[in-house]
Amino acid sequence: AAEGRTRCAALLATVQEVVHDLFAAYAGAAGAYDPLPGCFEQYGLDFLVTDRWAPVLLEANPGPDFGQTGDALGEAVVGGFME
């Protein structure tokens, strides 16, 4: 169990680094990834995790696509923000 938590923590840290680098590359550029002042934004980032626990960014979208996963997942992810 401890090994699993360690791997998950390392995976999450790497994903956070990739996401940071992705949005740093877009900083100041006009486009679909510009946050609106005073608002939060949601993006759709798809990762694949290899058999060596390495995350690979597959694609980045300006919004999540809950159409493929159904309303239940969309509610679980954004439900608290919309109240």
PDB file of N, CA and C in Angstrom:
ATOM      1  N   ALA A   1       0.823  -1.199   0.000  1.00  0.00           N
ATOM      2  CA  ALA A   1       0.000   0.000   0.000  1.00  0.00           C
ATOM      3  C   ALA A   1       0.865   1.261   0.000  1.00  0.00           C
ATOM      4  N   ALA A   2       1.952   1.235   0.754  1.00  0.00           N
ATOM      5  CA  ALA A   2       2.832   2.404   0.816  1.00  0.00           C
ATOM      6  C   ALA A   2       3.493   2.650  -0.530  1.00  0.00           C
ATOM      7  N   GLU A   3       3.869   1.580  -1.226  1.00  0.00           N
ATOM      8  CA  GLU A   3       4.486   1.725  -2.544  1.00  0.00           C
ATOM      9  C   GLU A   3       3.495   2.352  -3.535  1.00  0.00           C
ATOM     10  N   GLY A   4       2.243   1.928  -3.456  1.00  0.00           N
ATOM     11  CA  GLY A   4       1.214   2.486  -4.324  1.00  0.00           C
ATOM     12  C   GLY A   4       1.008   3.972  -4.082  1.00  0.00           C
ATOM     13  N   ARG A   5       0.983   4.371  -2.813  1.00  0.00           N
ATOM     14  CA  ARG A   5       0.840   5.799  -2.488  1.00  0.00           C
ATOM     15  C   ARG A   5       2.036   6.598  -2.992  1.00  0.00           C
ATOM     16  N   THR A   6       3.226   6.024  -2.876  1.00  0.00           N
ATOM     17  CA  THR A   6       4.435   6.697  -3.352  1.00  0.00           C
ATOM     18  C   THR A   6       4.396   6.869  -4.866  1.00  0.00           C
ATOM     19  N   ARG A   7       3.989   5.820  -5.574  1.00  0.00           N
ATOM     20  CA  ARG A   7       3.893   5.902  -7.040  1.00  0.00           C
ATOM     21  C   ARG A   7       2.837   6.920  -7.458  1.00  0.00           C
ATOM     22  N   CYS A   8       1.703   6.910  -6.791  1.00  0.00           N
ATOM     23  CA  CYS A   8       0.634   7.863  -7.120  1.00  0.00           C
ATOM     24  C   CYS A   8       1.075   9.299  -6.855  1.00  0.00           C
ATOM     25  N   ALA A   9       1.773   9.520  -5.754  1.00  0.00           N
ATOM     26  CA  ALA A   9       2.261  10.862  -5.440  1.00  0.00           C
ATOM     27  C   ALA A   9       3.259  11.329  -6.492  1.00  0.00           C
ATOM     28  N   ALA A  10       4.152  10.449  -6.921  1.00  0.00           N
ATOM     29  CA  ALA A  10       5.127  10.801  -7.956  1.00  0.00           C
ATOM     30  C   ALA A  10       4.434  11.061  -9.288  1.00  0.00           C
ATOM     31  N   LEU A  11       3.428  10.252  -9.604  1.00  0.00           N
ATOM     32  CA  LEU A  11       2.658  10.437 -10.840  1.00  0.00           C
ATOM     33  C   LEU A  11       1.959  11.793 -10.825  1.00  0.00           C
ATOM     34  N   LEU A  12       1.307  12.106  -9.721  1.00  0.00           N
ATOM     35  CA  LEU A  12       0.608  13.382  -9.601  1.00  0.00           C
ATOM     36  C   LEU A  12       1.580  14.551  -9.719  1.00  0.00           C
ATOM     37  N   ALA A  13       2.733  14.454  -9.098  1.00  0.00           N
ATOM     38  CA  ALA A  13       3.732  15.527  -9.179  1.00  0.00           C
ATOM     39  C   ALA A  13       4.181  15.737 -10.618  1.00  0.00           C
ATOM     40  N   THR A  14       4.371  14.658 -11.360  1.00  0.00           N
ATOM     41  CA  THR A  14       4.782  14.776 -12.757  1.00  0.00           C
ATOM     42  C   THR A  14       3.673  15.376 -13.609  1.00  0.00           C
ATOM     43  N   VAL A  15       2.432  14.961 -13.376  1.00  0.00           N
ATOM     44  CA  VAL A  15       1.295  15.539 -14.102  1.00  0.00           C
ATOM     45  C   VAL A  15       1.201  17.039 -13.818  1.00  0.00           C
ATOM     46  N   GLN A  16       1.356  17.429 -12.559  1.00  0.00           N
ATOM     47  CA  GLN A  16       1.303  18.850 -12.215  1.00  0.00           C
ATOM     48  C   GLN A  16       2.404  19.631 -12.922  1.00  0.00           C
ATOM     49  N   GLU A  17       3.582  19.065 -13.036  1.00  0.00           N
ATOM     50  CA  GLU A  17       4.680  19.719 -13.731  1.00  0.00           C
ATOM     51  C   GLU A  17       4.371  19.890 -15.218  1.00  0.00           C
ATOM     52  N   VAL A  18       3.809  18.854 -15.824  1.00  0.00           N
ATOM     53  CA  VAL A  18       3.441  18.923 -17.241  1.00  0.00           C
ATOM     54  C   VAL A  18       2.368  19.996 -17.460  1.00  0.00           C
ATOM     55  N   VAL A  19       1.359  20.020 -16.599  1.00  0.00           N
ATOM     56  CA  VAL A  19       0.284  21.018 -16.725  1.00  0.00           C
ATOM     57  C   VAL A  19       0.844  22.424 -16.527  1.00  0.00           C
ATOM     58  N   HIS A  20       1.713  22.593 -15.542  1.00  0.00           N
ATOM     59  CA  HIS A  20       2.341  23.901 -15.324  1.00  0.00           C
ATOM     60  C   HIS A  20       3.091  24.348 -16.574  1.00  0.00           C
ATOM     61  N   ASP A  21       3.906  23.461 -17.138  1.00  0.00           N
ATOM     62  CA  ASP A  21       4.681  23.795 -18.329  1.00  0.00           C
ATOM     63  C   ASP A  21       3.782  24.104 -19.519  1.00  0.00           C
ATOM     64  N   LEU A  22       2.688  23.356 -19.643  1.00  0.00           N
ATOM     65  CA  LEU A  22       1.742  23.579 -20.735  1.00  0.00           C
ATOM     66  C   LEU A  22       1.164  24.988 -20.674  1.00  0.00           C
ATOM     67  N   PHE A  23       0.661  25.382 -19.505  1.00  0.00           N
ATOM     68  CA  PHE A  23       0.037  26.695 -19.395  1.00  0.00           C
ATOM     69  C   PHE A  23       1.059  27.819 -19.357  1.00  0.00           C
ATOM     70  N   ALA A  24       2.267  27.552 -18.893  1.00  0.00           N
ATOM     71  CA  ALA A  24       3.333  28.557 -18.958  1.00  0.00           C
ATOM     72  C   ALA A  24       3.675  28.863 -20.412  1.00  0.00           C
ATOM     73  N   ALA A  25       3.609  27.854 -21.262  1.00  0.00           N
ATOM     74  CA  ALA A  25       3.888  28.060 -22.685  1.00  0.00           C
ATOM     75  C   ALA A  25       2.832  28.949 -23.344  1.00  0.00           C
ATOM     76  N   TYR A  26       1.603  28.933 -22.831  1.00  0.00           N
ATOM     77  CA  TYR A  26       0.521  29.740 -23.378  1.00  0.00           C
ATOM     78  C   TYR A  26       0.383  31.105 -22.704  1.00  0.00           C
ATOM     79  N   ALA A  27       1.160  31.371 -21.668  1.00  0.00           N
ATOM     80  CA  ALA A  27       1.031  32.627 -20.912  1.00  0.00           C
ATOM     81  C   ALA A  27       1.174  33.821 -21.851  1.00  0.00           C
ATOM     82  N   GLY A  28       0.186  34.687 -21.812  1.00  0.00           N
ATOM     83  CA  GLY A  28       0.212  35.900 -22.620  1.00  0.00           C
ATOM     84  C   GLY A  28      -0.265  35.733 -24.044  1.00  0.00           C
ATOM     85  N   ALA A  29      -0.491  34.516 -24.487  1.00  0.00           N
ATOM     86  CA  ALA A  29      -0.967  34.285 -25.848  1.00  0.00           C
ATOM     87  C   ALA A  29      -2.494  34.333 -25.871  1.00  0.00           C
ATOM     88  N   ALA A  30      -3.047  35.003 -26.840  1.00  0.00           N
ATOM     89  CA  ALA A  30      -4.508  35.062 -26.984  1.00  0.00           C
ATOM     90  C   ALA A  30      -4.991  33.741 -27.570  1.00  0.00           C
ATOM     91  N   GLY A  31      -6.131  33.291 -27.104  1.00  0.00           N
ATOM     92  CA  GLY A  31      -6.684  32.059 -27.658  1.00  0.00           C
ATOM     93  C   GLY A  31      -7.674  31.402 -26.727  1.00  0.00           C
ATOM     94  N   ALA A  32      -7.936  30.145 -27.008  1.00  0.00           N
ATOM     95  CA  ALA A  32      -8.964  29.392 -26.288  1.00  0.00           C
ATOM     96  C   ALA A  32      -8.590  29.096 -24.847  1.00  0.00           C
ATOM     97  N   TYR A  33      -7.316  29.256 -24.475  1.00  0.00           N
ATOM     98  CA  TYR A  33      -6.883  28.911 -23.128  1.00  0.00           C
ATOM     99  C   TYR A  33      -6.736  30.127 -22.225  1.00  0.00           C
ATOM    100  N   ASP A  34      -7.243  31.280 -22.648  1.00  0.00           N
ATOM    101  CA  ASP A  34      -7.174  32.489 -21.824  1.00  0.00           C
ATOM    102  C   ASP A  34      -8.229  32.446 -20.733  1.00  0.00           C
ATOM    103  N   PRO A  35      -7.829  32.526 -19.469  1.00  0.00           N
ATOM    104  CA  PRO A  35      -8.834  32.598 -18.404  1.00  0.00           C
ATOM    105  C   PRO A  35      -9.489  33.970 -18.381  1.00  0.00           C
ATOM    106  N   LEU A  36     -10.738  34.008 -18.032  1.00  0.00           N
ATOM    107  CA  LEU A  36     -11.455  35.274 -17.906  1.00  0.00           C
ATOM    108  C   LEU A  36     -11.194  35.866 -16.529  1.00  0.00           C
ATOM    109  N   PRO A  37     -11.056  37.176 -16.443  1.00  0.00           N
ATOM    110  CA  PRO A  37     -10.791  37.798 -15.131  1.00  0.00           C
ATOM    111  C   PRO A  37     -11.891  37.471 -14.123  1.00  0.00           C
ATOM    112  N   GLY A  38     -11.503  37.080 -12.912  1.00  0.00           N
ATOM    113  CA  GLY A  38     -12.455  36.799 -11.847  1.00  0.00           C
ATOM    114  C   GLY A  38     -13.206  35.490 -11.998  1.00  0.00           C
ATOM    115  N   CYS A  39     -12.787  34.640 -12.918  1.00  0.00           N
ATOM    116  CA  CYS A  39     -13.480  33.374 -13.156  1.00  0.00           C
ATOM    117  C   CYS A  39     -12.517  32.201 -13.012  1.00  0.00           C
ATOM    118  N   PHE A  40     -13.073  31.028 -12.763  1.00  0.00           N
ATOM    119  CA  PHE A  40     -12.257  29.826 -12.821  1.00  0.00           C
ATOM    120  C   PHE A  40     -12.487  29.187 -14.179  1.00  0.00           C
ATOM    121  N   GLU A  41     -11.547  28.426 -14.606  1.00  0.00           N
ATOM    122  CA  GLU A  41     -11.641  27.766 -15.903  1.00  0.00           C
ATOM    123  C   GLU A  41     -11.489  26.267 -15.725  1.00  0.00           C
ATOM    124  N   GLN A  42     -12.112  25.514 -16.592  1.00  0.00           N
ATOM    125  CA  GLN A  42     -11.943  24.066 -16.636  1.00  0.00           C
ATOM    126  C   GLN A  42     -11.422  23.707 -18.015  1.00  0.00           C
ATOM    127  N   TYR A  43     -10.469  22.829 -18.048  1.00  0.00           N
ATOM    128  CA  TYR A  43      -9.897  22.378 -19.304  1.00  0.00           C
ATOM    129  C   TYR A  43      -9.994  20.862 -19.359  1.00  0.00           C
ATOM    130  N   GLY A  44      -9.870  20.329 -20.542  1.00  0.00           N
ATOM    131  CA  GLY A  44      -9.860  18.882 -20.721  1.00  0.00           C
ATOM    132  C   GLY A  44      -8.468  18.424 -21.093  1.00  0.00           C
ATOM    133  N   LEU A  45      -7.784  17.785 -20.164  1.00  0.00           N
ATOM    134  CA  LEU A  45      -6.444  17.274 -20.417  1.00  0.00           C
ATOM    135  C   LEU A  45      -6.481  15.753 -20.333  1.00  0.00           C
ATOM    136  N   ASP A  46      -6.071  15.104 -21.398  1.00  0.00           N
ATOM    137  CA  ASP A  46      -6.084  13.642 -21.438  1.00  0.00           C
ATOM    138  C   ASP A  46      -4.661  13.118 -21.302  1.00  0.00           C
ATOM    139  N   PHE A  47      -4.467  12.279 -20.306  1.00  0.00           N
ATOM    140  CA  PHE A  47      -3.169  11.660 -20.064  1.00  0.00           C
ATOM    141  C   PHE A  47      -3.279  10.151 -20.217  1.00  0.00           C
ATOM    142  N   LEU A  48      -2.217   9.551 -20.667  1.00  0.00           N
ATOM    143  CA  LEU A  48      -2.050   8.105 -20.658  1.00  0.00           C
ATOM    144  C   LEU A  48      -0.952   7.817 -19.643  1.00  0.00           C
ATOM    145  N   VAL A  49      -1.109   6.775 -18.840  1.00  0.00           N
ATOM    146  CA  VAL A  49      -0.082   6.383 -17.882  1.00  0.00           C
ATOM    147  C   VAL A  49       0.538   5.090 -18.392  1.00  0.00           C
ATOM    148  N   THR A  50       1.856   5.111 -18.598  1.00  0.00           N
ATOM    149  CA  THR A  50       2.549   3.943 -19.132  1.00  0.00           C
ATOM    150  C   THR A  50       2.689   2.860 -18.066  1.00  0.00           C
ATOM    151  N   ASP A  51       3.174   1.716 -18.488  1.00  0.00           N
ATOM    152  CA  ASP A  51       3.388   0.618 -17.551  1.00  0.00           C
ATOM    153  C   ASP A  51       4.515   0.922 -16.560  1.00  0.00           C
ATOM    154  N   ARG A  52       5.253   1.997 -16.782  1.00  0.00           N
ATOM    155  CA  ARG A  52       6.295   2.440 -15.851  1.00  0.00           C
ATOM    156  C   ARG A  52       5.836   3.646 -15.035  1.00  0.00           C
ATOM    157  N   TRP A  53       4.542   3.890 -15.021  1.00  0.00           N
ATOM    158  CA  TRP A  53       3.928   4.969 -14.249  1.00  0.00           C
ATOM    159  C   TRP A  53       4.369   6.349 -14.730  1.00  0.00           C
ATOM    160  N   ALA A  54       4.639   6.482 -16.005  1.00  0.00           N
ATOM    161  CA  ALA A  54       5.011   7.775 -16.571  1.00  0.00           C
ATOM    162  C   ALA A  54       3.794   8.355 -17.294  1.00  0.00           C
ATOM    163  N   PRO A  55       3.337   9.555 -16.913  1.00  0.00           N
ATOM    164  CA  PRO A  55       2.203  10.152 -17.601  1.00  0.00           C
ATOM    165  C   PRO A  55       2.641  10.755 -18.938  1.00  0.00           C
ATOM    166  N   VAL A  56       1.800  10.575 -19.942  1.00  0.00           N
ATOM    167  CA  VAL A  56       2.040  11.139 -21.268  1.00  0.00           C
ATOM    168  C   VAL A  56       0.815  11.972 -21.622  1.00  0.00           C
ATOM    169  N   LEU A  57       1.014  13.258 -21.881  1.00  0.00           N
ATOM    170  CA  LEU A  57      -0.096  14.127 -22.283  1.00  0.00           C
ATOM    171  C   LEU A  57      -0.505  13.775 -23.704  1.00  0.00           C
ATOM    172  N   LEU A  58      -1.752  13.380 -23.883  1.00  0.00           N
ATOM    173  CA  LEU A  58      -2.245  13.016 -25.204  1.00  0.00           C
ATOM    174  C   LEU A  58      -2.838  14.211 -25.930  1.00  0.00           C
ATOM    175  N   GLU A  59      -3.650  15.000 -25.213  1.00  0.00           N
ATOM    176  CA  GLU A  59      -4.249  16.182 -25.829  1.00  0.00           C
ATOM    177  C   GLU A  59      -4.734  17.147 -24.764  1.00  0.00           C
ATOM    178  N   ALA A  60      -4.850  18.401 -25.173  1.00  0.00           N
ATOM    179  CA  ALA A  60      -5.382  19.452 -24.306  1.00  0.00           C
ATOM    180  C   ALA A  60      -6.524  20.127 -25.044  1.00  0.00           C
ATOM    181  N   ASN A  61      -7.647  20.285 -24.355  1.00  0.00           N
ATOM    182  CA  ASN A  61      -8.834  20.905 -24.949  1.00  0.00           C
ATOM    183  C   ASN A  61      -9.265  22.088 -24.084  1.00  0.00           C
ATOM    184  N   PRO A  62      -9.872  23.105 -24.696  1.00  0.00           N
ATOM    185  CA  PRO A  62     -10.285  24.281 -23.930  1.00  0.00           C
ATOM    186  C   PRO A  62     -11.443  24.011 -22.972  1.00  0.00           C
ATOM    187  N   GLY A  63     -12.017  22.825 -23.006  1.00  0.00           N
ATOM    188  CA  GLY A  63     -13.083  22.471 -22.077  1.00  0.00           C
ATOM    189  C   GLY A  63     -13.179  20.964 -21.950  1.00  0.00           C
ATOM    190  N   PRO A  64     -13.651  20.477 -20.794  1.00  0.00           N
ATOM    191  CA  PRO A  64     -13.811  19.027 -20.634  1.00  0.00           C
ATOM    192  C   PRO A  64     -14.974  18.521 -21.476  1.00  0.00           C
ATOM    193  N   ASP A  65     -14.896  17.276 -21.893  1.00  0.00           N
ATOM    194  CA  ASP A  65     -15.963  16.664 -22.678  1.00  0.00           C
ATOM    195  C   ASP A  65     -16.656  15.613 -21.823  1.00  0.00           C
ATOM    196  N   PHE A  66     -17.734  16.028 -21.153  1.00  0.00           N
ATOM    197  CA  PHE A  66     -18.480  15.091 -20.323  1.00  0.00           C
ATOM    198  C   PHE A  66     -19.475  14.277 -21.141  1.00  0.00           C
ATOM    199  N   GLY A  67     -19.582  14.567 -22.441  1.00  0.00           N
ATOM    200  CA  GLY A  67     -20.501  13.828 -23.295  1.00  0.00           C
ATOM    201  C   GLY A  67     -20.150  12.364 -23.409  1.00  0.00           C
ATOM    202  N   GLN A  68     -18.856  12.049 -23.308  1.00  0.00           N
ATOM    203  CA  GLN A  68     -18.427  10.658 -23.437  1.00  0.00           C
ATOM    204  C   GLN A  68     -18.534   9.897 -22.124  1.00  0.00           C
ATOM    205  N   THR A  69     -18.477  10.608 -21.005  1.00  0.00           N
ATOM    206  CA  THR A  69     -18.482   9.935 -19.714  1.00  0.00           C
ATOM    207  C   THR A  69     -19.823  10.014 -19.001  1.00  0.00           C
ATOM    208  N   GLY A  70     -20.714  10.834 -19.496  1.00  0.00           N
ATOM    209  CA  GLY A  70     -22.035  10.932 -18.903  1.00  0.00           C
ATOM    210  C   GLY A  70     -22.170  12.043 -17.889  1.00  0.00           C
ATOM    211  N   ASP A  71     -23.404  12.338 -17.535  1.00  0.00           N
ATOM    212  CA  ASP A  71     -23.699  13.434 -16.620  1.00  0.00           C
ATOM    213  C   ASP A  71     -23.198  13.177 -15.202  1.00  0.00           C
ATOM    214  N   ALA A  72     -23.112  11.925 -14.796  1.00  0.00           N
ATOM    215  CA  ALA A  72     -22.704  11.621 -13.424  1.00  0.00           C
ATOM    216  C   ALA A  72     -21.288  12.121 -13.152  1.00  0.00           C
ATOM    217  N   LEU A  73     -20.371  11.912 -14.079  1.00  0.00           N
ATOM    218  CA  LEU A  73     -19.002  12.374 -13.880  1.00  0.00           C
ATOM    219  C   LEU A  73     -18.949  13.894 -13.906  1.00  0.00           C
ATOM    220  N   GLY A  74     -19.677  14.511 -14.815  1.00  0.00           N
ATOM    221  CA  GLY A  74     -19.702  15.966 -14.860  1.00  0.00           C
ATOM    222  C   GLY A  74     -20.196  16.555 -13.561  1.00  0.00           C
ATOM    223  N   GLU A  75     -21.207  15.986 -12.974  1.00  0.00           N
ATOM    224  CA  GLU A  75     -21.729  16.447 -11.691  1.00  0.00           C
ATOM    225  C   GLU A  75     -20.705  16.240 -10.582  1.00  0.00           C
ATOM    226  N   ALA A  76     -20.018  15.109 -10.599  1.00  0.00           N
ATOM    227  CA  ALA A  76     -19.017  14.836  -9.574  1.00  0.00           C
ATOM    228  C   ALA A  76     -17.855  15.823  -9.644  1.00  0.00           C
ATOM    229  N   VAL A  77     -17.507  16.255 -10.844  1.00  0.00           N
ATOM    230  CA  VAL A  77     -16.352  17.137 -11.031  1.00  0.00           C
ATOM    231  C   VAL A  77     -16.720  18.590 -10.790  1.00  0.00           C
ATOM    232  N   VAL A  78     -17.849  19.048 -11.302  1.00  0.00           N
ATOM    233  CA  VAL A  78     -18.176  20.474 -11.234  1.00  0.00           C
ATOM    234  C   VAL A  78     -19.396  20.806 -10.388  1.00  0.00           C
ATOM    235  N   GLY A  79     -20.047  19.827  -9.825  1.00  0.00           N
ATOM    236  CA  GLY A  79     -21.282  20.055  -9.097  1.00  0.00           C
ATOM    237  C   GLY A  79     -21.189  21.118  -8.015  1.00  0.00           C
ATOM    238  N   GLY A  80     -20.149  21.083  -7.219  1.00  0.00           N
ATOM    239  CA  GLY A  80     -19.992  22.043  -6.130  1.00  0.00           C
ATOM    240  C   GLY A  80     -19.769  23.465  -6.587  1.00  0.00           C
ATOM    241  N   PHE A  81     -19.237  23.656  -7.782  1.00  0.00           N
ATOM    242  CA  PHE A  81     -18.967  25.003  -8.287  1.00  0.00           C
ATOM    243  C   PHE A  81     -20.226  25.697  -8.790  1.00  0.00           C
ATOM    244  N   MET A  82     -21.223  24.930  -9.135  1.00  0.00           N
ATOM    245  CA  MET A  82     -22.407  25.495  -9.775  1.00  0.00           C
ATOM    246  C   MET A  82     -23.530  25.801  -8.801  1.00  0.00           C
ATOM    247  N   GLU A  83     -23.298  25.609  -7.495  1.00  0.00           N
ATOM    248  CA  GLU A  83     -24.360  25.860  -6.517  1.00  0.00           C
ATOM    249  C   GLU A  83     -24.428  27.327  -6.152  1.00  0.00           C
TER     250      GLU A  83
END
